[in-house]
Amino acid sequence: MLFGMTGTAFASATITSGGAPYTGDVLGTNLGNVTLAGNSFFGPIINTCTSASLGAYTKYDGTDGKLNSVSISGCTNNRHGTTTVTATGLPYTGGHVDHDPVSGGRDGKIVIDAPNSAVDVKAILDLPDWGLMGVECHYGLTTSTPLSIDVYNPSNSNKPVPSNPHGQGKLAGQSLQLISGDSVCPASASANGNFQIVTDPGGADLELGA
């Protein structure tokens, strides 16, 4: 999940593992449930997913990276149905890792610049409460607002899940916009969740600094 791509100007970052610059694959796995929520004209649709992983490549300076894999499963919704989420058109590029610390908060952030025509997250929703099955919705980054994920180093006492010893990432209401789909599809979907971030393979810790 800790990945970077060339893009607009940003605060230079150094990514290390074991004290040495790190270039290679990384893996983000969820710590607790991940939610995807939006409002349709029938009412809110809230999807709760028990498993999520993101595989990516990063260069030591936070550039030239890509998101290679997305797996989100175990999703149910508040309309007594299930939801299947897949990302199509991978890999995704178009962003960067910034060293952008906030006092009492993050050490940096992952930014995917927008608009980004490659991003396409497909959701197939069964909504029994409304008598609807197999509703297909596609979401992406169509506005100028980038997708930003806060990053916390392993030693940061303010990370989302302090009991987990590894570095972490946090999605907090970040929005994806509807590209295409059924008329019942929400116009946007917000994502929330916490992730552990380590090297892949190996599971070693990563540090983000200036």
N, C-alpha and C. Protein backbone atom coordinates (compact mmCIF):
# COMPACT_ATOMS: atom_id res chain seq x y z
N MET A 1 0.82 -1.19 0.00
CA MET A 1 0.00 0.00 0.00
C MET A 1 0.85 1.25 0.00
N LEU A 2 2.04 1.14 0.50
CA LEU A 2 2.95 2.29 0.50
C LEU A 2 3.59 2.37 -0.86
N PHE A 3 3.01 3.16 -1.76
CA PHE A 3 3.50 3.20 -3.12
C PHE A 3 3.52 4.62 -3.61
N GLY A 4 4.40 4.88 -4.60
CA GLY A 4 4.49 6.24 -5.11
C GLY A 4 4.64 6.24 -6.61
N MET A 5 4.23 7.32 -7.22
CA MET A 5 4.32 7.47 -8.65
C MET A 5 4.71 8.91 -8.97
N THR A 6 5.31 9.10 -10.10
CA THR A 6 5.66 10.46 -10.49
C THR A 6 4.38 11.26 -10.69
N GLY A 7 4.41 12.52 -10.33
CA GLY A 7 3.21 13.33 -10.47
C GLY A 7 3.55 14.78 -10.20
N THR A 8 2.62 15.48 -9.55
CA THR A 8 2.82 16.88 -9.26
C THR A 8 3.88 17.04 -8.18
N ALA A 9 4.30 18.31 -7.92
CA ALA A 9 5.32 18.56 -6.92
C ALA A 9 4.87 18.08 -5.56
N PHE A 10 5.79 17.51 -4.79
CA PHE A 10 5.45 17.00 -3.49
C PHE A 10 6.67 17.03 -2.59
N ALA A 11 6.43 16.87 -1.27
CA ALA A 11 7.52 16.85 -0.30
C ALA A 11 8.32 15.57 -0.45
N SER A 12 9.61 15.70 -0.70
CA SER A 12 10.43 14.52 -0.96
C SER A 12 10.39 13.56 0.22
N ALA A 13 10.41 12.27 -0.08
CA ALA A 13 10.32 11.24 0.94
C ALA A 13 11.46 10.24 0.77
N THR A 14 11.84 9.62 1.86
CA THR A 14 12.80 8.52 1.83
C THR A 14 12.14 7.32 2.51
N ILE A 15 12.07 6.21 1.81
CA ILE A 15 11.48 4.99 2.35
C ILE A 15 12.61 4.01 2.64
N THR A 16 12.68 3.55 3.89
CA THR A 16 13.75 2.64 4.30
C THR A 16 13.16 1.41 4.98
N SER A 17 13.98 0.36 5.00
CA SER A 17 13.65 -0.84 5.75
C SER A 17 14.94 -1.38 6.35
N GLY A 18 14.95 -1.57 7.66
CA GLY A 18 16.18 -2.01 8.32
C GLY A 18 17.30 -1.01 8.22
N GLY A 19 16.97 0.26 8.06
CA GLY A 19 17.96 1.32 7.98
C GLY A 19 18.52 1.57 6.60
N ALA A 20 18.10 0.79 5.61
CA ALA A 20 18.59 0.95 4.24
C ALA A 20 17.47 1.39 3.31
N PRO A 21 17.77 2.19 2.28
CA PRO A 21 16.74 2.57 1.32
C PRO A 21 16.04 1.34 0.75
N TYR A 22 14.74 1.42 0.65
CA TYR A 22 13.97 0.26 0.18
C TYR A 22 13.28 0.54 -1.14
N THR A 23 13.53 -0.32 -2.11
CA THR A 23 12.82 -0.33 -3.38
C THR A 23 12.31 -1.75 -3.59
N GLY A 24 11.01 -1.89 -3.77
CA GLY A 24 10.46 -3.22 -3.95
C GLY A 24 8.97 -3.27 -3.66
N ASP A 25 8.47 -4.49 -3.46
CA ASP A 25 7.04 -4.70 -3.24
C ASP A 25 6.68 -4.51 -1.77
N VAL A 26 5.47 -4.04 -1.57
CA VAL A 26 4.93 -3.87 -0.22
C VAL A 26 3.51 -4.41 -0.20
N LEU A 27 3.04 -4.71 1.02
CA LEU A 27 1.70 -5.28 1.17
C LEU A 27 0.97 -4.55 2.29
N GLY A 28 -0.24 -4.11 1.99
CA GLY A 28 -1.12 -3.54 3.00
C GLY A 28 -2.26 -4.50 3.28
N THR A 29 -2.48 -4.85 4.55
CA THR A 29 -3.59 -5.73 4.94
C THR A 29 -4.42 -5.04 6.02
N ASN A 30 -5.72 -5.28 5.98
CA ASN A 30 -6.62 -4.53 6.86
C ASN A 30 -6.46 -4.91 8.33
N LEU A 31 -6.64 -3.90 9.16
CA LEU A 31 -6.71 -4.06 10.61
C LEU A 31 -8.12 -3.68 11.03
N GLY A 32 -8.98 -4.67 11.13
CA GLY A 32 -10.40 -4.40 11.36
C GLY A 32 -11.14 -4.27 10.03
N ASN A 33 -12.42 -4.03 10.11
CA ASN A 33 -13.24 -3.96 8.91
C ASN A 33 -12.93 -2.73 8.06
N VAL A 34 -13.19 -2.87 6.76
CA VAL A 34 -13.12 -1.77 5.81
C VAL A 34 -14.55 -1.48 5.35
N THR A 35 -14.93 -0.22 5.30
CA THR A 35 -16.28 0.13 4.87
C THR A 35 -16.24 0.98 3.60
N LEU A 36 -17.23 0.76 2.75
CA LEU A 36 -17.46 1.55 1.54
C LEU A 36 -18.92 1.98 1.59
N ALA A 37 -19.16 3.28 1.58
CA ALA A 37 -20.52 3.77 1.80
C ALA A 37 -20.87 4.88 0.83
N GLY A 38 -22.16 4.93 0.49
CA GLY A 38 -22.66 5.99 -0.37
C GLY A 38 -24.17 6.10 -0.25
N ASN A 39 -24.72 7.18 -0.77
CA ASN A 39 -26.16 7.43 -0.70
C ASN A 39 -26.80 7.31 -2.08
N SER A 40 -27.75 6.39 -2.22
CA SER A 40 -28.53 6.27 -3.44
C SER A 40 -29.87 6.98 -3.23
N PHE A 41 -30.69 7.07 -4.28
CA PHE A 41 -31.97 7.76 -4.11
C PHE A 41 -32.94 6.95 -3.26
N PHE A 42 -32.63 5.63 -3.04
CA PHE A 42 -33.43 4.81 -2.13
C PHE A 42 -33.00 4.99 -0.67
N GLY A 43 -31.77 5.46 -0.47
CA GLY A 43 -31.22 5.58 0.87
C GLY A 43 -29.76 5.17 0.91
N PRO A 44 -29.13 5.21 2.08
CA PRO A 44 -27.71 4.89 2.18
C PRO A 44 -27.43 3.40 1.95
N ILE A 45 -26.29 3.14 1.32
CA ILE A 45 -25.78 1.78 1.17
C ILE A 45 -24.42 1.74 1.85
N ILE A 46 -24.31 0.90 2.88
CA ILE A 46 -23.07 0.78 3.64
C ILE A 46 -22.56 -0.65 3.52
N ASN A 47 -21.39 -0.81 2.92
CA ASN A 47 -20.78 -2.11 2.74
C ASN A 47 -19.66 -2.29 3.77
N THR A 48 -19.69 -3.41 4.48
CA THR A 48 -18.69 -3.71 5.49
C THR A 48 -17.94 -4.97 5.06
N CYS A 49 -16.61 -4.84 4.90
CA CYS A 49 -15.78 -5.93 4.37
C CYS A 49 -14.79 -6.39 5.42
N THR A 50 -14.68 -7.70 5.60
CA THR A 50 -13.84 -8.24 6.67
C THR A 50 -12.40 -8.49 6.24
N SER A 51 -12.13 -8.50 4.94
CA SER A 51 -10.77 -8.79 4.46
C SER A 51 -10.40 -7.88 3.31
N ALA A 52 -9.19 -7.31 3.37
CA ALA A 52 -8.71 -6.44 2.29
C ALA A 52 -7.19 -6.47 2.25
N SER A 53 -6.65 -6.55 1.05
CA SER A 53 -5.20 -6.46 0.89
C SER A 53 -4.87 -5.70 -0.38
N LEU A 54 -3.78 -4.96 -0.33
CA LEU A 54 -3.32 -4.14 -1.44
C LEU A 54 -1.85 -4.43 -1.66
N GLY A 55 -1.49 -4.83 -2.88
CA GLY A 55 -0.10 -5.10 -3.21
C GLY A 55 0.44 -4.03 -4.13
N ALA A 56 1.64 -3.52 -3.82
CA ALA A 56 2.17 -2.40 -4.58
C ALA A 56 3.69 -2.49 -4.71
N TYR A 57 4.21 -1.64 -5.57
CA TYR A 57 5.65 -1.49 -5.75
C TYR A 57 6.01 -0.04 -5.45
N THR A 58 7.14 0.16 -4.76
CA THR A 58 7.59 1.52 -4.49
C THR A 58 9.09 1.64 -4.72
N LYS A 59 9.52 2.82 -5.08
CA LYS A 59 10.93 3.16 -5.13
C LYS A 59 11.30 3.87 -3.83
N TYR A 60 12.56 3.82 -3.45
CA TYR A 60 13.00 4.34 -2.16
C TYR A 60 12.67 5.82 -1.95
N ASP A 61 12.52 6.57 -3.04
CA ASP A 61 12.23 8.00 -2.90
C ASP A 61 10.75 8.32 -3.10
N GLY A 62 9.90 7.30 -3.08
CA GLY A 62 8.46 7.52 -3.17
C GLY A 62 7.93 7.75 -4.57
N THR A 63 8.76 7.51 -5.59
CA THR A 63 8.32 7.71 -6.97
C THR A 63 8.32 6.37 -7.71
N ASP A 64 7.81 6.42 -8.95
CA ASP A 64 7.87 5.29 -9.88
C ASP A 64 7.23 4.03 -9.32
N GLY A 65 6.14 4.19 -8.59
CA GLY A 65 5.46 3.03 -8.02
C GLY A 65 4.17 2.71 -8.75
N LYS A 66 3.55 1.60 -8.34
CA LYS A 66 2.28 1.21 -8.93
C LYS A 66 1.53 0.30 -7.98
N LEU A 67 0.22 0.33 -8.06
CA LEU A 67 -0.64 -0.56 -7.31
C LEU A 67 -0.92 -1.77 -8.20
N ASN A 68 -0.44 -2.94 -7.79
CA ASN A 68 -0.51 -4.14 -8.62
C ASN A 68 -1.71 -5.02 -8.35
N SER A 69 -2.17 -5.06 -7.11
CA SER A 69 -3.25 -5.98 -6.77
C SER A 69 -4.16 -5.38 -5.71
N VAL A 70 -5.44 -5.72 -5.82
CA VAL A 70 -6.45 -5.29 -4.84
C VAL A 70 -7.35 -6.49 -4.57
N SER A 71 -7.49 -6.87 -3.31
CA SER A 71 -8.39 -7.95 -2.93
C SER A 71 -9.25 -7.48 -1.77
N ILE A 72 -10.55 -7.42 -2.00
CA ILE A 72 -11.51 -7.03 -0.95
C ILE A 72 -12.61 -8.08 -0.93
N SER A 73 -12.83 -8.69 0.23
CA SER A 73 -13.80 -9.78 0.30
C SER A 73 -14.52 -9.78 1.64
N GLY A 74 -15.46 -10.70 1.76
CA GLY A 74 -16.26 -10.79 2.97
C GLY A 74 -17.14 -9.57 3.17
N CYS A 75 -17.73 -9.06 2.09
CA CYS A 75 -18.49 -7.81 2.17
C CYS A 75 -19.99 -8.07 2.27
N THR A 76 -20.60 -7.49 3.27
CA THR A 76 -22.06 -7.48 3.40
C THR A 76 -22.52 -6.03 3.43
N ASN A 77 -23.80 -5.81 3.14
CA ASN A 77 -24.32 -4.45 3.16
C ASN A 77 -25.51 -4.32 4.09
N ASN A 78 -25.89 -3.08 4.36
CA ASN A 78 -26.96 -2.80 5.30
C ASN A 78 -28.35 -3.02 4.72
N ARG A 79 -28.43 -3.58 3.51
CA ARG A 79 -29.70 -3.95 2.90
C ARG A 79 -29.88 -5.46 2.88
N HIS A 80 -29.19 -6.13 3.84
CA HIS A 80 -29.27 -7.57 4.06
C HIS A 80 -28.81 -8.38 2.86
N GLY A 81 -27.83 -7.84 2.14
CA GLY A 81 -27.26 -8.54 1.01
C GLY A 81 -25.75 -8.59 1.08
N THR A 82 -25.16 -9.09 0.02
CA THR A 82 -23.70 -9.16 -0.09
C THR A 82 -23.23 -8.27 -1.23
N THR A 83 -21.96 -7.90 -1.16
CA THR A 83 -21.35 -7.04 -2.18
C THR A 83 -20.02 -7.65 -2.59
N THR A 84 -19.78 -7.71 -3.89
CA THR A 84 -18.50 -8.19 -4.41
C THR A 84 -17.74 -7.01 -5.00
N VAL A 85 -16.50 -6.81 -4.55
CA VAL A 85 -15.70 -5.66 -4.98
C VAL A 85 -14.45 -6.16 -5.69
N THR A 86 -14.19 -5.66 -6.89
CA THR A 86 -12.97 -5.98 -7.63
C THR A 86 -12.43 -4.72 -8.28
N ALA A 87 -11.11 -4.67 -8.43
CA ALA A 87 -10.47 -3.56 -9.13
C ALA A 87 -10.06 -4.05 -10.51
N THR A 88 -10.47 -3.35 -11.54
CA THR A 88 -10.12 -3.72 -12.91
C THR A 88 -9.11 -2.72 -13.48
N GLY A 89 -8.41 -3.14 -14.52
CA GLY A 89 -7.47 -2.25 -15.19
C GLY A 89 -6.17 -2.04 -14.45
N LEU A 90 -5.86 -2.90 -13.49
CA LEU A 90 -4.59 -2.79 -12.77
C LEU A 90 -3.42 -3.07 -13.71
N PRO A 91 -2.22 -2.53 -13.46
CA PRO A 91 -1.85 -1.70 -12.29
C PRO A 91 -2.32 -0.25 -12.45
N TYR A 92 -2.42 0.43 -11.30
CA TYR A 92 -2.75 1.85 -11.27
C TYR A 92 -1.49 2.66 -10.98
N THR A 93 -1.33 3.76 -11.69
CA THR A 93 -0.24 4.70 -11.45
C THR A 93 -0.83 6.10 -11.32
N GLY A 94 0.02 7.07 -11.04
CA GLY A 94 -0.43 8.46 -11.03
C GLY A 94 -0.46 9.13 -9.68
N GLY A 95 0.52 8.88 -8.84
CA GLY A 95 0.54 9.52 -7.52
C GLY A 95 1.93 9.55 -6.93
N HIS A 96 2.04 9.66 -5.59
CA HIS A 96 3.34 9.79 -4.94
C HIS A 96 3.20 9.59 -3.45
N VAL A 97 4.32 9.32 -2.78
CA VAL A 97 4.38 9.26 -1.33
C VAL A 97 5.04 10.55 -0.84
N ASP A 98 4.37 11.25 0.06
CA ASP A 98 4.89 12.52 0.60
C ASP A 98 5.35 12.34 2.04
N HIS A 99 6.48 12.96 2.38
CA HIS A 99 6.83 13.12 3.79
C HIS A 99 6.16 14.40 4.25
N ASP A 100 5.08 14.25 4.99
CA ASP A 100 4.22 15.38 5.34
C ASP A 100 3.70 15.17 6.76
N PRO A 101 4.59 15.20 7.76
CA PRO A 101 4.18 14.88 9.13
C PRO A 101 3.24 15.93 9.72
N VAL A 102 2.34 15.45 10.58
CA VAL A 102 1.41 16.31 11.31
C VAL A 102 1.62 16.04 12.80
N SER A 103 1.80 17.07 13.57
CA SER A 103 2.01 16.91 15.01
C SER A 103 0.84 16.16 15.64
N GLY A 104 1.16 15.07 16.34
CA GLY A 104 0.12 14.26 16.95
C GLY A 104 -0.63 13.39 15.97
N GLY A 105 -0.08 13.23 14.75
CA GLY A 105 -0.78 12.44 13.74
C GLY A 105 0.18 11.69 12.83
N ARG A 106 -0.04 11.79 11.54
CA ARG A 106 0.65 10.99 10.55
C ARG A 106 2.12 11.40 10.39
N ASP A 107 2.87 10.52 9.72
CA ASP A 107 4.24 10.83 9.31
C ASP A 107 4.31 11.26 7.85
N GLY A 108 3.32 10.91 7.09
CA GLY A 108 3.28 11.26 5.68
C GLY A 108 1.98 10.81 5.08
N LYS A 109 1.93 10.76 3.76
CA LYS A 109 0.70 10.33 3.10
C LYS A 109 1.01 9.78 1.72
N ILE A 110 0.13 8.88 1.30
CA ILE A 110 0.12 8.38 -0.07
C ILE A 110 -0.93 9.18 -0.82
N VAL A 111 -0.57 9.70 -1.97
CA VAL A 111 -1.50 10.49 -2.77
C VAL A 111 -1.61 9.90 -4.16
N ILE A 112 -2.83 9.62 -4.59
CA ILE A 112 -3.08 9.24 -5.97
C ILE A 112 -3.71 10.45 -6.65
N ASP A 113 -2.98 11.04 -7.57
CA ASP A 113 -3.45 12.25 -8.22
C ASP A 113 -4.72 12.00 -9.03
N ALA A 114 -5.53 13.01 -9.15
CA ALA A 114 -6.79 12.93 -9.88
C ALA A 114 -6.92 14.13 -10.82
N PRO A 115 -7.69 13.97 -11.91
CA PRO A 115 -8.38 12.74 -12.31
C PRO A 115 -7.42 11.66 -12.77
N ASN A 116 -7.88 10.40 -12.67
CA ASN A 116 -7.08 9.25 -13.07
C ASN A 116 -7.99 8.26 -13.78
N SER A 117 -7.89 8.21 -15.09
CA SER A 117 -8.81 7.40 -15.89
C SER A 117 -8.60 5.90 -15.73
N ALA A 118 -7.46 5.49 -15.18
CA ALA A 118 -7.17 4.06 -15.03
C ALA A 118 -7.93 3.43 -13.87
N VAL A 119 -8.25 4.21 -12.86
CA VAL A 119 -8.87 3.65 -11.65
C VAL A 119 -10.31 3.24 -11.94
N ASP A 120 -10.63 1.97 -11.70
CA ASP A 120 -11.97 1.44 -11.92
C ASP A 120 -12.23 0.35 -10.88
N VAL A 121 -12.99 0.69 -9.86
CA VAL A 121 -13.35 -0.26 -8.81
C VAL A 121 -14.81 -0.66 -9.02
N LYS A 122 -15.02 -1.96 -9.30
CA LYS A 122 -16.36 -2.47 -9.62
C LYS A 122 -17.00 -3.09 -8.38
N ALA A 123 -18.24 -2.73 -8.13
CA ALA A 123 -19.02 -3.33 -7.04
C ALA A 123 -20.28 -3.96 -7.61
N ILE A 124 -20.51 -5.22 -7.25
CA ILE A 124 -21.75 -5.92 -7.59
C ILE A 124 -22.54 -6.09 -6.30
N LEU A 125 -23.71 -5.47 -6.23
CA LEU A 125 -24.47 -5.44 -4.99
C LEU A 125 -25.77 -6.22 -5.11
N ASP A 126 -26.01 -7.10 -4.13
CA ASP A 126 -27.32 -7.71 -3.94
C ASP A 126 -28.01 -6.95 -2.81
N LEU A 127 -29.20 -6.40 -3.08
CA LEU A 127 -29.90 -5.53 -2.14
C LEU A 127 -31.31 -6.07 -1.91
N PRO A 128 -31.45 -7.17 -1.16
CA PRO A 128 -32.75 -7.81 -0.99
C PRO A 128 -33.83 -6.89 -0.41
N ASP A 129 -33.46 -6.00 0.48
CA ASP A 129 -34.46 -5.11 1.08
C ASP A 129 -35.19 -4.29 0.03
N TRP A 130 -34.53 -4.03 -1.07
CA TRP A 130 -35.12 -3.23 -2.15
C TRP A 130 -35.52 -4.10 -3.34
N GLY A 131 -35.39 -5.42 -3.21
CA GLY A 131 -35.74 -6.32 -4.30
C GLY A 131 -34.81 -6.23 -5.50
N LEU A 132 -33.56 -5.86 -5.26
CA LEU A 132 -32.60 -5.67 -6.34
C LEU A 132 -31.42 -6.63 -6.15
N MET A 133 -31.04 -7.30 -7.23
CA MET A 133 -29.93 -8.24 -7.18
C MET A 133 -28.99 -7.96 -8.35
N GLY A 134 -27.70 -8.11 -8.12
CA GLY A 134 -26.71 -7.96 -9.19
C GLY A 134 -26.55 -6.54 -9.70
N VAL A 135 -26.76 -5.55 -8.85
CA VAL A 135 -26.58 -4.15 -9.26
C VAL A 135 -25.08 -3.88 -9.45
N GLU A 136 -24.70 -3.40 -10.63
CA GLU A 136 -23.28 -3.18 -10.95
C GLU A 136 -22.96 -1.69 -10.96
N CYS A 137 -21.92 -1.32 -10.19
CA CYS A 137 -21.49 0.07 -10.10
C CYS A 137 -19.97 0.13 -10.28
N HIS A 138 -19.49 1.11 -11.05
CA HIS A 138 -18.06 1.31 -11.26
C HIS A 138 -17.65 2.68 -10.70
N TYR A 139 -16.56 2.68 -9.91
CA TYR A 139 -16.10 3.91 -9.28
C TYR A 139 -14.64 4.20 -9.63
N GLY A 140 -14.32 5.50 -9.72
CA GLY A 140 -12.96 5.90 -10.06
C GLY A 140 -12.65 7.27 -9.49
N LEU A 141 -11.63 7.91 -10.06
CA LEU A 141 -11.22 9.25 -9.64
C LEU A 141 -11.45 10.19 -10.83
N THR A 142 -12.60 10.83 -10.87
CA THR A 142 -12.97 11.65 -12.02
C THR A 142 -12.88 13.14 -11.75
N THR A 143 -12.72 13.55 -10.48
CA THR A 143 -12.63 14.97 -10.16
C THR A 143 -11.15 15.34 -10.00
N SER A 144 -10.90 16.57 -9.61
CA SER A 144 -9.53 17.03 -9.39
C SER A 144 -9.05 16.74 -7.97
N THR A 145 -9.90 16.14 -7.14
CA THR A 145 -9.54 15.85 -5.75
C THR A 145 -8.80 14.52 -5.67
N PRO A 146 -7.54 14.51 -5.22
CA PRO A 146 -6.78 13.27 -5.16
C PRO A 146 -7.27 12.36 -4.04
N LEU A 147 -6.88 11.10 -4.12
CA LEU A 147 -7.12 10.14 -3.04
C LEU A 147 -5.90 10.15 -2.13
N SER A 148 -6.10 10.40 -0.84
CA SER A 148 -5.00 10.54 0.10
C SER A 148 -5.14 9.54 1.24
N ILE A 149 -4.06 8.86 1.57
CA ILE A 149 -4.04 7.88 2.65
C ILE A 149 -2.95 8.28 3.63
N ASP A 150 -3.32 8.51 4.88
CA ASP A 150 -2.34 8.88 5.90
C ASP A 150 -1.45 7.68 6.23
N VAL A 151 -0.15 7.95 6.42
CA VAL A 151 0.83 6.90 6.70
C VAL A 151 1.47 7.17 8.07
N TYR A 152 1.62 6.09 8.84
CA TYR A 152 2.20 6.18 10.19
C TYR A 152 3.37 5.20 10.29
N ASN A 153 4.51 5.66 10.79
CA ASN A 153 5.65 4.79 11.01
C ASN A 153 5.39 3.84 12.19
N PRO A 154 6.14 2.72 12.24
CA PRO A 154 5.92 1.75 13.33
C PRO A 154 6.02 2.34 14.72
N SER A 155 6.90 3.32 14.91
CA SER A 155 7.13 3.89 16.24
C SER A 155 6.16 5.01 16.59
N ASN A 156 5.27 5.37 15.69
CA ASN A 156 4.35 6.49 15.93
C ASN A 156 3.25 6.07 16.89
N SER A 157 3.22 6.67 18.06
CA SER A 157 2.22 6.30 19.07
C SER A 157 0.81 6.73 18.70
N ASN A 158 0.69 7.55 17.66
CA ASN A 158 -0.61 8.04 17.23
C ASN A 158 -1.20 7.23 16.08
N LYS A 159 -0.57 6.12 15.71
CA LYS A 159 -1.10 5.33 14.61
C LYS A 159 -2.47 4.75 14.99
N PRO A 160 -3.28 4.44 13.98
CA PRO A 160 -4.67 4.05 14.24
C PRO A 160 -4.85 2.86 15.18
N VAL A 161 -3.96 1.86 15.08
CA VAL A 161 -4.07 0.66 15.92
C VAL A 161 -2.76 0.52 16.69
N PRO A 162 -2.62 1.20 17.83
CA PRO A 162 -1.35 1.21 18.56
C PRO A 162 -0.85 -0.17 18.97
N SER A 163 -1.77 -1.13 19.17
CA SER A 163 -1.36 -2.47 19.59
C SER A 163 -0.66 -3.25 18.49
N ASN A 164 -0.82 -2.81 17.24
CA ASN A 164 -0.12 -3.45 16.12
C ASN A 164 1.26 -2.82 15.98
N PRO A 165 2.34 -3.64 15.94
CA PRO A 165 3.69 -3.07 15.99
C PRO A 165 4.20 -2.51 14.67
N HIS A 166 3.48 -2.68 13.59
CA HIS A 166 4.00 -2.32 12.27
C HIS A 166 3.53 -0.93 11.82
N GLY A 167 4.10 -0.47 10.71
CA GLY A 167 3.64 0.76 10.10
C GLY A 167 2.22 0.60 9.59
N GLN A 168 1.50 1.71 9.48
CA GLN A 168 0.08 1.64 9.14
C GLN A 168 -0.34 2.74 8.17
N GLY A 169 -1.46 2.48 7.51
CA GLY A 169 -2.09 3.47 6.66
C GLY A 169 -3.55 3.62 7.06
N LYS A 170 -4.10 4.81 6.85
CA LYS A 170 -5.48 5.07 7.25
C LYS A 170 -6.26 5.75 6.14
N LEU A 171 -7.36 5.13 5.73
CA LEU A 171 -8.34 5.74 4.85
C LEU A 171 -9.44 6.32 5.73
N ALA A 172 -9.75 7.58 5.54
CA ALA A 172 -10.75 8.24 6.38
C ALA A 172 -11.73 9.01 5.51
N GLY A 173 -12.72 8.30 4.97
CA GLY A 173 -13.75 8.94 4.19
C GLY A 173 -13.31 9.41 2.82
N GLN A 174 -12.24 8.83 2.30
CA GLN A 174 -11.78 9.21 0.96
C GLN A 174 -12.80 8.79 -0.10
N SER A 175 -13.00 9.62 -1.10
CA SER A 175 -14.13 9.45 -2.00
C SER A 175 -13.71 8.97 -3.39
N LEU A 176 -14.50 8.02 -3.92
CA LEU A 176 -14.42 7.60 -5.32
C LEU A 176 -15.74 8.00 -5.98
N GLN A 177 -15.68 8.39 -7.25
CA GLN A 177 -16.86 8.88 -7.95
C GLN A 177 -17.40 7.84 -8.92
N LEU A 178 -18.73 7.83 -9.10
CA LEU A 178 -19.37 6.89 -10.01
C LEU A 178 -18.95 7.16 -11.46
N ILE A 179 -18.46 6.10 -12.12
CA ILE A 179 -18.10 6.18 -13.53
C ILE A 179 -19.27 5.72 -14.39
N SER A 180 -19.85 4.58 -14.01
CA SER A 180 -20.97 4.01 -14.74
C SER A 180 -21.68 3.02 -13.85
N GLY A 181 -22.93 2.73 -14.20
CA GLY A 181 -23.67 1.74 -13.44
C GLY A 181 -25.16 1.99 -13.43
N ASP A 182 -25.86 1.18 -12.67
CA ASP A 182 -27.30 1.26 -12.53
C ASP A 182 -27.71 2.58 -11.87
N SER A 183 -28.94 2.99 -12.12
CA SER A 183 -29.42 4.26 -11.57
C SER A 183 -29.48 4.25 -10.05
N VAL A 184 -29.50 3.07 -9.43
CA VAL A 184 -29.53 3.00 -7.97
C VAL A 184 -28.15 3.19 -7.35
N CYS A 185 -27.10 3.17 -8.17
CA CYS A 185 -25.74 3.31 -7.65
C CYS A 185 -25.53 4.69 -7.02
N PRO A 186 -24.95 4.76 -5.84
CA PRO A 186 -24.61 6.07 -5.26
C PRO A 186 -23.67 6.85 -6.18
N ALA A 187 -23.79 8.17 -6.17
CA ALA A 187 -22.96 9.01 -7.02
C ALA A 187 -21.49 9.00 -6.61
N SER A 188 -21.24 8.66 -5.36
CA SER A 188 -19.87 8.53 -4.87
C SER A 188 -19.85 7.50 -3.75
N ALA A 189 -18.66 6.99 -3.47
CA ALA A 189 -18.49 6.02 -2.40
C ALA A 189 -17.31 6.43 -1.55
N SER A 190 -17.50 6.50 -0.24
CA SER A 190 -16.42 6.86 0.67
C SER A 190 -15.85 5.60 1.31
N ALA A 191 -14.53 5.58 1.46
CA ALA A 191 -13.84 4.40 1.99
C ALA A 191 -13.22 4.73 3.34
N ASN A 192 -13.34 3.81 4.27
CA ASN A 192 -12.75 3.94 5.59
C ASN A 192 -12.09 2.63 6.00
N GLY A 193 -10.90 2.71 6.57
CA GLY A 193 -10.25 1.50 7.03
C GLY A 193 -8.82 1.76 7.46
N ASN A 194 -8.29 0.85 8.27
CA ASN A 194 -6.91 0.90 8.73
C ASN A 194 -6.16 -0.30 8.18
N PHE A 195 -4.88 -0.08 7.83
CA PHE A 195 -4.08 -1.12 7.20
C PHE A 195 -2.70 -1.22 7.83
N GLN A 196 -2.20 -2.44 7.94
CA GLN A 196 -0.80 -2.69 8.26
C GLN A 196 0.00 -2.62 6.98
N ILE A 197 1.22 -2.05 7.02
CA ILE A 197 2.05 -1.91 5.83
C ILE A 197 3.43 -2.50 6.10
N VAL A 198 3.82 -3.51 5.30
CA VAL A 198 5.12 -4.17 5.45
C VAL A 198 5.67 -4.52 4.08
N THR A 199 6.95 -4.95 4.04
CA THR A 199 7.54 -5.40 2.78
C THR A 199 6.94 -6.74 2.38
N ASP A 200 6.99 -7.02 1.08
CA ASP A 200 6.43 -8.27 0.56
C ASP A 200 7.37 -8.82 -0.53
N PRO A 201 7.98 -10.02 -0.30
CA PRO A 201 7.80 -10.86 0.88
C PRO A 201 8.66 -10.37 2.04
N GLY A 202 8.59 -11.08 3.14
CA GLY A 202 9.44 -10.80 4.28
C GLY A 202 8.72 -10.20 5.46
N GLY A 203 7.73 -9.34 5.21
CA GLY A 203 6.98 -8.73 6.30
C GLY A 203 7.80 -7.79 7.17
N ALA A 204 8.86 -7.18 6.61
CA ALA A 204 9.69 -6.27 7.39
C ALA A 204 9.04 -4.89 7.46
N ASP A 205 9.42 -4.15 8.49
CA ASP A 205 8.87 -2.82 8.68
C ASP A 205 9.47 -1.82 7.70
N LEU A 206 8.68 -0.79 7.40
CA LEU A 206 9.10 0.32 6.55
C LEU A 206 9.06 1.61 7.35
N GLU A 207 9.96 2.53 7.02
CA GLU A 207 9.97 3.84 7.66
C GLU A 207 9.90 4.91 6.59
N LEU A 208 9.08 5.91 6.84
CA LEU A 208 8.95 7.03 5.93
C LEU A 208 9.55 8.26 6.59
N GLY A 209 10.51 8.87 5.91
CA GLY A 209 11.16 10.06 6.45
C GLY A 209 11.46 11.07 5.36
N ALA A 210 12.15 12.12 5.72
CA ALA A 210 12.49 13.16 4.76
C ALA A 210 13.66 12.73 3.89
